[in-house]
């Protein structure tokens, strides 16, 4: 009989992988960080009443800390480095909450602070995601917007011709 892997540990391992890749930089640093942040938030939704061992948490925290300056540098033209560092700091604080059993958290942590951490992680994930998507659209030449503009122009021309 094989042991079933802890789904929270498995999720945190994936989160670590995305932040490790983000720390290498390159054109996908912001994308990897976005996915890492979203997966970290999703890991908090996995049903479990067990505390996570220290090793996966330490790995996640180290990976986030390693990716922070790389991502901050990569996106500084669009997102203030302070916002990146704030979101990543919130992410490390959130990751450390996994060391507690979820049923014990309410008695052990400052709940408004924990909620703020979640929100700052989500806000940074949203900012990075929006930035990455805008850059992808721009790189492709914003084909959708151009198509709509051309269709509107053709329709306006057809209406104008019909009125004359």
Protein backbone atom coordinates (compact mmCIF):
# COMPACT_ATOMS: atom_id res chain seq x y z
CA UNK A 1 0.00 0.00 0.00
CA UNK A 2 1.43 3.39 -1.01
CA UNK A 3 1.16 6.46 1.15
CA UNK A 4 -0.94 9.28 -0.23
CA UNK A 5 1.09 12.47 -0.54
CA UNK A 6 -0.10 15.43 1.47
CA UNK A 7 -1.82 17.69 -1.09
CA UNK A 8 -0.74 20.84 0.73
CA UNK A 9 2.91 19.76 0.67
CA UNK A 10 2.56 18.87 -3.01
CA UNK A 11 1.04 22.29 -3.76
CA UNK A 12 3.77 24.10 -1.81
CA UNK A 13 6.37 22.13 -3.76
CA UNK A 14 4.87 23.43 -7.00
CA UNK A 15 4.78 26.96 -5.60
CA UNK A 16 8.49 26.64 -4.78
CA UNK A 17 9.19 25.53 -8.35
CA UNK A 18 7.48 28.56 -9.86
CA UNK A 19 9.34 30.99 -7.61
CA UNK A 20 12.64 29.21 -8.27
CA UNK A 21 12.04 29.68 -12.00
CA UNK A 22 11.09 33.33 -11.45
CA UNK A 23 14.40 33.84 -9.61
CA UNK A 24 16.26 32.91 -12.80
CA UNK A 25 14.77 35.96 -14.47
CA UNK A 26 14.11 36.18 -18.15
CA UNK A 27 10.93 36.97 -19.96
CA UNK A 28 8.80 34.64 -17.83
CA UNK A 29 9.85 35.85 -14.36
CA UNK A 30 6.62 37.82 -13.85
CA UNK A 31 4.53 34.98 -15.27
CA UNK A 32 6.13 32.40 -12.99
CA UNK A 33 5.71 34.73 -10.00
CA UNK A 34 2.04 35.24 -10.86
CA UNK A 35 1.38 31.53 -11.01
CA UNK A 36 3.37 31.00 -7.82
CA UNK A 37 1.33 33.61 -5.96
CA UNK A 38 -1.96 32.21 -7.23
CA UNK A 39 -0.95 28.65 -6.35
CA UNK A 40 0.10 29.77 -2.86
CA UNK A 41 -3.34 31.28 -2.35
CA UNK A 42 -4.97 28.12 -3.73
CA UNK A 43 -2.91 25.96 -1.36
CA UNK A 44 -4.66 27.72 1.50
CA UNK A 45 -7.98 26.43 0.16
CA UNK A 46 -6.97 22.76 0.20
CA UNK A 47 -9.02 20.96 2.85
CA UNK A 48 -6.67 19.82 5.59
CA UNK A 49 -6.41 20.04 9.33
CA UNK A 50 -2.77 19.15 9.53
CA UNK A 51 0.16 21.41 10.14
CA UNK A 52 2.65 21.37 7.28
CA UNK A 53 6.19 20.24 8.11
CA UNK A 54 8.82 22.98 8.28
CA UNK A 55 10.84 21.89 5.24
CA UNK A 56 8.29 22.72 2.51
CA UNK A 57 7.49 26.02 4.19
CA UNK A 58 11.17 26.95 4.43
CA UNK A 59 11.60 26.07 0.75
CA UNK A 60 8.66 28.25 -0.30
CA UNK A 61 9.83 31.20 1.79
CA UNK A 62 13.39 30.93 0.42
CA UNK A 63 12.11 30.69 -3.15
CA UNK A 64 9.87 33.74 -2.73
CA UNK A 65 12.70 35.74 -1.17
CA UNK A 66 15.02 34.72 -4.01
CA UNK A 67 12.53 35.74 -6.68
CA UNK A 68 11.56 39.09 -5.14
CA UNK A 69 14.48 41.23 -6.39
CA UNK A 70 14.44 39.59 -9.83
CA UNK A 71 10.72 40.18 -10.31
CA UNK A 72 10.91 43.70 -8.86
CA UNK A 73 13.66 44.54 -11.38
CA UNK A 74 11.79 42.89 -14.26
CA UNK A 75 8.60 44.88 -13.76
CA UNK A 76 9.88 48.14 -12.28
CA UNK A 77 8.83 50.07 -15.40
CA UNK A 78 5.18 49.28 -14.66
CA UNK A 79 4.92 48.28 -10.99
CA UNK A 80 6.77 50.02 -8.16
CA UNK A 81 9.39 47.74 -6.58
CA UNK A 82 7.89 48.55 -3.17
CA UNK A 83 4.60 46.99 -4.29
CA UNK A 84 6.41 43.84 -5.39
CA UNK A 85 8.33 43.59 -2.13
CA UNK A 86 5.18 44.23 -0.11
CA UNK A 87 3.30 41.48 -1.93
CA UNK A 88 6.20 39.04 -1.64
CA UNK A 89 6.61 39.84 2.05
CA UNK A 90 2.91 39.15 2.53
CA UNK A 91 3.39 35.88 0.62
CA UNK A 92 6.17 34.72 2.94
CA UNK A 93 4.05 35.61 5.96
CA UNK A 94 1.11 33.72 4.50
CA UNK A 95 3.33 30.70 3.70
CA UNK A 96 4.48 30.58 7.32
CA UNK A 97 0.85 30.16 8.43
CA UNK A 98 0.92 26.62 7.00
CA UNK A 99 3.03 25.57 9.99
CA UNK A 100 -0.14 25.69 12.09
CA UNK A 101 -3.16 23.45 11.96
CA UNK A 102 -5.93 25.43 10.23
CA UNK A 103 -8.29 24.75 13.12
CA UNK A 104 -5.79 26.39 15.52
CA UNK A 105 -5.09 29.49 13.43
CA UNK A 106 -7.90 31.66 14.81
CA UNK A 107 -6.49 31.36 18.32
CA UNK A 108 -2.84 31.72 17.29
CA UNK A 109 -2.64 34.51 14.72
CA UNK A 110 -3.78 38.07 14.25
CA UNK A 111 -6.69 37.45 11.87
CA UNK A 112 -6.88 40.99 10.39
CA UNK A 113 -3.14 40.82 9.68
CA UNK A 114 -3.55 37.39 8.06
CA UNK A 115 -6.42 38.74 5.95
CA UNK A 116 -4.28 41.71 4.87
CA UNK A 117 -1.51 39.31 3.87
CA UNK A 118 -3.94 37.35 1.72
CA UNK A 119 -5.23 40.51 0.09
CA UNK A 120 -1.75 41.89 -0.62
CA UNK A 121 -0.72 38.57 -2.17
CA UNK A 122 -3.85 38.58 -4.32
CA UNK A 123 -3.37 42.22 -5.32
CA UNK A 124 0.19 41.61 -6.45
CA UNK A 125 -0.87 38.49 -8.34
CA UNK A 126 -3.58 40.57 -10.06
CA UNK A 127 -1.14 43.39 -10.92
CA UNK A 128 1.45 41.00 -12.31
CA UNK A 129 -1.17 39.03 -14.21
CA UNK A 130 -2.65 42.17 -15.77
CA UNK A 131 0.82 43.42 -16.71
CA UNK A 132 1.86 40.13 -18.27
CA UNK A 133 -1.37 39.91 -20.27
CA UNK A 134 -1.04 43.52 -21.50
CA UNK A 135 2.53 42.82 -22.59
CA UNK A 136 1.50 39.63 -24.40
CA UNK A 137 -1.27 41.51 -26.21
CA UNK A 138 1.15 44.28 -27.14
CA UNK A 139 3.74 41.76 -28.39
CA UNK A 140 1.13 40.20 -30.68
CA UNK A 141 0.16 43.63 -32.04
CA UNK A 142 -3.24 43.76 -30.28
CA UNK A 143 -4.91 41.87 -33.11
CA UNK A 144 -8.28 41.78 -31.38
CA UNK A 145 -8.47 45.56 -30.93
CA UNK A 146 -7.31 46.12 -34.52
CA UNK A 147 -9.94 43.67 -35.80
CA UNK A 148 -12.70 45.46 -33.89
CA UNK A 149 -11.50 48.85 -35.17
CA UNK A 150 -11.45 47.62 -38.76
CA UNK A 151 -14.93 46.07 -38.44
CA UNK A 152 -16.32 49.27 -36.96
CA UNK A 153 -14.77 51.31 -39.75
CA UNK A 154 -16.19 48.99 -42.39
CA UNK A 155 -19.64 49.08 -40.77
CA UNK A 156 -19.54 52.87 -40.54
CA UNK A 157 -18.51 53.09 -44.17
CA UNK A 158 -21.37 50.77 -45.17
CA UNK A 159 -23.90 52.82 -43.21
CA UNK A 160 -22.52 56.07 -44.63
CA UNK A 161 -22.71 54.70 -48.20
CA UNK A 162 -26.29 53.54 -47.63
CA UNK A 163 -27.34 57.02 -46.47
CA UNK A 164 -25.98 58.76 -49.58
